[in-house]
């Protein structure tokens, strides 16, 4: 486990359709020395005018059609990945895939950083099963508005912080 002084970003995407490049919301929470120091949330205009997963995250095409594209947001977002040691996400392979696909579609380099998966972390540190984000948050008493990218990202940050504190004690 990375030490308590680690600087990292917790990341969560909501997607519009089955394409990994279809991000329609992003939440980023920056952590420094075990403390949340910044929260970032953006709606994103996905590359196709369809939002199939409204029933999950509550976003519709009306919500995102006038928002910036990922490529337009990237200059702001890229700065959040500077001077960190890793990226944390719940089911990290999904969010890594979305970030990589969105960066590829935008013609920009995705951050080359290791990922910490909070699903695996919850299993290793507390032996939590099942490890859906809502289950882990309930176990750790972390507030959660599930499938809102900002809330999910903050929950991931708090899971990593809790795990770091567990290892430190």
Protein backbone atom coordinates (compact mmCIF):
# COMPACT_ATOMS: atom_id res chain seq x y z
CA UNK A 1 0.00 0.00 0.00
CA UNK A 2 1.26 3.42 -0.86
CA UNK A 3 2.28 5.50 2.15
CA UNK A 4 0.02 7.99 3.88
CA UNK A 5 1.84 11.00 2.45
CA UNK A 6 0.92 9.94 -1.10
CA UNK A 7 -0.53 12.45 -3.51
CA UNK A 8 -3.16 10.89 -5.73
CA UNK A 9 -6.32 11.58 -7.69
CA UNK A 10 -9.49 9.55 -7.32
CA UNK A 11 -11.40 9.37 -10.59
CA UNK A 12 -14.90 8.39 -11.67
CA UNK A 13 -16.60 8.53 -15.05
CA UNK A 14 -20.21 8.15 -16.04
CA UNK A 15 -20.71 7.04 -19.63
CA UNK A 16 -23.48 7.67 -22.14
CA UNK A 17 -23.35 4.42 -24.11
CA UNK A 18 -21.29 1.25 -24.50
CA UNK A 19 -18.38 3.08 -26.12
CA UNK A 20 -15.48 3.68 -23.77
CA UNK A 21 -15.11 7.13 -25.34
CA UNK A 22 -18.64 8.14 -24.29
CA UNK A 23 -17.84 9.91 -21.01
CA UNK A 24 -20.71 12.22 -20.05
CA UNK A 25 -19.49 13.15 -16.55
CA UNK A 26 -16.19 13.10 -14.69
CA UNK A 27 -15.39 13.48 -11.02
CA UNK A 28 -11.84 14.02 -9.79
CA UNK A 29 -10.79 14.32 -6.16
CA UNK A 30 -7.21 15.27 -5.39
CA UNK A 31 -5.63 14.02 -2.16
CA UNK A 32 -2.41 15.27 -0.60
CA UNK A 33 -0.90 13.86 2.59
CA UNK A 34 -4.10 12.02 3.48
CA UNK A 35 -6.40 15.02 2.98
CA UNK A 36 -8.81 15.95 0.20
CA UNK A 37 -7.51 19.20 -1.23
CA UNK A 38 -9.58 19.63 -4.41
CA UNK A 39 -12.79 18.40 -6.00
CA UNK A 40 -13.52 18.73 -9.74
CA UNK A 41 -16.74 17.80 -11.52
CA UNK A 42 -17.70 18.33 -15.14
CA UNK A 43 -20.48 17.26 -17.41
CA UNK A 44 -19.10 16.23 -20.81
CA UNK A 45 -20.73 16.23 -24.24
CA UNK A 46 -20.26 12.64 -25.45
CA UNK A 47 -19.29 12.00 -29.08
CA UNK A 48 -22.69 10.56 -30.02
CA UNK A 49 -26.13 12.08 -29.32
CA UNK A 50 -27.40 9.13 -27.33
CA UNK A 51 -27.45 8.54 -23.61
CA UNK A 52 -28.40 4.95 -22.93
CA UNK A 53 -27.55 4.87 -19.23
CA UNK A 54 -29.83 7.65 -17.94
CA UNK A 55 -31.54 5.04 -15.76
CA UNK A 56 -28.21 4.59 -13.93
CA UNK A 57 -26.78 8.09 -13.55
CA UNK A 58 -29.80 10.28 -14.29
CA UNK A 59 -28.12 12.27 -17.07
CA UNK A 60 -29.84 12.82 -20.42
CA UNK A 61 -28.77 14.24 -23.77
CA UNK A 62 -30.46 17.51 -22.72
CA UNK A 63 -28.09 17.68 -19.73
CA UNK A 64 -24.91 17.23 -21.76
CA UNK A 65 -25.54 18.42 -25.33
CA UNK A 66 -24.30 21.95 -24.65
CA UNK A 67 -21.38 20.92 -22.42
CA UNK A 68 -17.73 20.92 -23.54
CA UNK A 69 -16.35 17.81 -25.20
CA UNK A 70 -13.61 15.81 -23.51
CA UNK A 71 -11.07 17.34 -25.89
CA UNK A 72 -12.21 20.83 -24.90
CA UNK A 73 -11.99 19.97 -21.18
CA UNK A 74 -8.66 18.14 -21.36
CA UNK A 75 -6.39 21.18 -20.82
CA UNK A 76 -8.12 21.78 -17.46
CA UNK A 77 -8.25 18.09 -16.56
CA UNK A 78 -4.64 17.34 -17.48
CA UNK A 79 -3.38 19.66 -14.76
CA UNK A 80 -5.11 17.53 -12.12
CA UNK A 81 -2.88 14.57 -13.00
CA UNK A 82 0.36 16.49 -12.44
CA UNK A 83 2.56 15.70 -9.43
CA UNK A 84 0.59 12.67 -8.25
CA UNK A 85 1.76 9.15 -7.57
CA UNK A 86 -1.28 7.17 -8.69
CA UNK A 87 -4.92 7.27 -9.77
CA UNK A 88 -7.57 5.56 -7.65
CA UNK A 89 -10.90 4.29 -8.97
CA UNK A 90 -13.53 1.72 -8.07
CA UNK A 91 -13.20 -1.04 -10.66
CA UNK A 92 -10.18 0.83 -11.98
CA UNK A 93 -9.99 -1.06 -15.26
CA UNK A 94 -13.27 0.57 -16.35
CA UNK A 95 -12.24 4.14 -15.54
CA UNK A 96 -8.74 3.59 -16.96
CA UNK A 97 -10.35 2.33 -20.17
CA UNK A 98 -12.66 5.35 -20.37
CA UNK A 99 -9.82 7.80 -19.72
CA UNK A 100 -7.58 6.11 -22.29
CA UNK A 101 -10.36 5.98 -24.93
CA UNK A 102 -11.34 9.61 -24.37
CA UNK A 103 -7.70 10.73 -24.57
CA UNK A 104 -7.17 8.69 -27.75
CA UNK A 105 -10.30 10.19 -29.34
CA UNK A 106 -9.13 13.68 -28.31
CA UNK A 107 -5.64 13.10 -29.71
CA UNK A 108 -3.93 13.64 -26.36
CA UNK A 109 -1.62 11.49 -24.25
CA UNK A 110 -3.38 9.74 -21.36
CA UNK A 111 -1.64 10.03 -17.99
CA UNK A 112 0.94 7.30 -17.55
CA UNK A 113 0.39 6.50 -13.90
CA UNK A 114 -0.32 3.39 -11.86
CA UNK A 115 -3.89 2.75 -10.75
CA UNK A 116 -5.14 1.62 -7.36
CA UNK A 117 -8.44 -0.23 -7.56
CA UNK A 118 -10.63 0.38 -4.53
CA UNK A 119 -12.51 -2.88 -5.19
CA UNK A 120 -9.28 -4.81 -4.68
CA UNK A 121 -8.25 -2.54 -1.81
CA UNK A 122 -11.52 -3.15 0.07
CA UNK A 123 -11.09 -6.91 -0.33
CA UNK A 124 -7.46 -6.86 0.78
CA UNK A 125 -7.74 -4.49 3.73
CA UNK A 126 -11.19 -5.31 5.18
CA UNK A 127 -12.20 -8.52 3.35
CA UNK A 128 -15.42 -6.82 2.20
CA UNK A 129 -17.69 -8.85 -0.07
CA UNK A 130 -19.58 -7.90 -2.13
CA UNK A 131 -17.45 -4.93 -3.07
CA UNK A 132 -19.87 -2.71 -4.95
CA UNK A 133 -19.06 0.91 -4.14
CA UNK A 134 -22.27 1.23 -2.13
CA UNK A 135 -21.30 -1.82 -0.02
CA UNK A 136 -17.82 -0.51 0.72
CA UNK A 137 -19.17 2.94 1.57
CA UNK A 138 -21.77 1.44 3.89
CA UNK A 139 -19.06 -0.59 5.67
CA UNK A 140 -16.81 2.47 6.06
CA UNK A 141 -19.72 4.87 6.75
CA UNK A 142 -18.83 7.06 3.77
CA UNK A 143 -21.72 9.16 2.39
CA UNK A 144 -22.51 8.30 -1.22
CA UNK A 145 -24.79 9.59 -3.96
CA UNK A 146 -24.09 6.54 -6.12
CA UNK A 147 -23.50 7.06 -9.86
CA UNK A 148 -22.85 10.77 -9.47
CA UNK A 149 -19.25 11.08 -10.66
CA UNK A 150 -18.26 13.64 -8.02
CA UNK A 151 -19.66 11.57 -5.16
CA UNK A 152 -18.22 8.30 -6.47
CA UNK A 153 -14.77 9.89 -6.90
CA UNK A 154 -14.85 11.30 -3.38
CA UNK A 155 -15.92 7.93 -2.01
CA UNK A 156 -12.92 6.32 -3.75
CA UNK A 157 -10.61 8.93 -2.28
CA UNK A 158 -12.01 8.27 1.20
CA UNK A 159 -11.60 4.50 0.74
CA UNK A 160 -7.92 4.92 -0.11
CA UNK A 161 -7.43 7.31 2.83
CA UNK A 162 -9.12 4.82 5.19
CA UNK A 163 -6.94 2.00 3.87
CA UNK A 164 -3.80 4.11 4.30
CA UNK A 165 -4.81 4.88 7.87
CA UNK A 166 -5.46 1.17 8.51
CA UNK A 167 -1.98 0.31 7.30
CA UNK A 168 -0.43 3.14 9.29
CA UNK A 169 -1.94 2.00 12.60
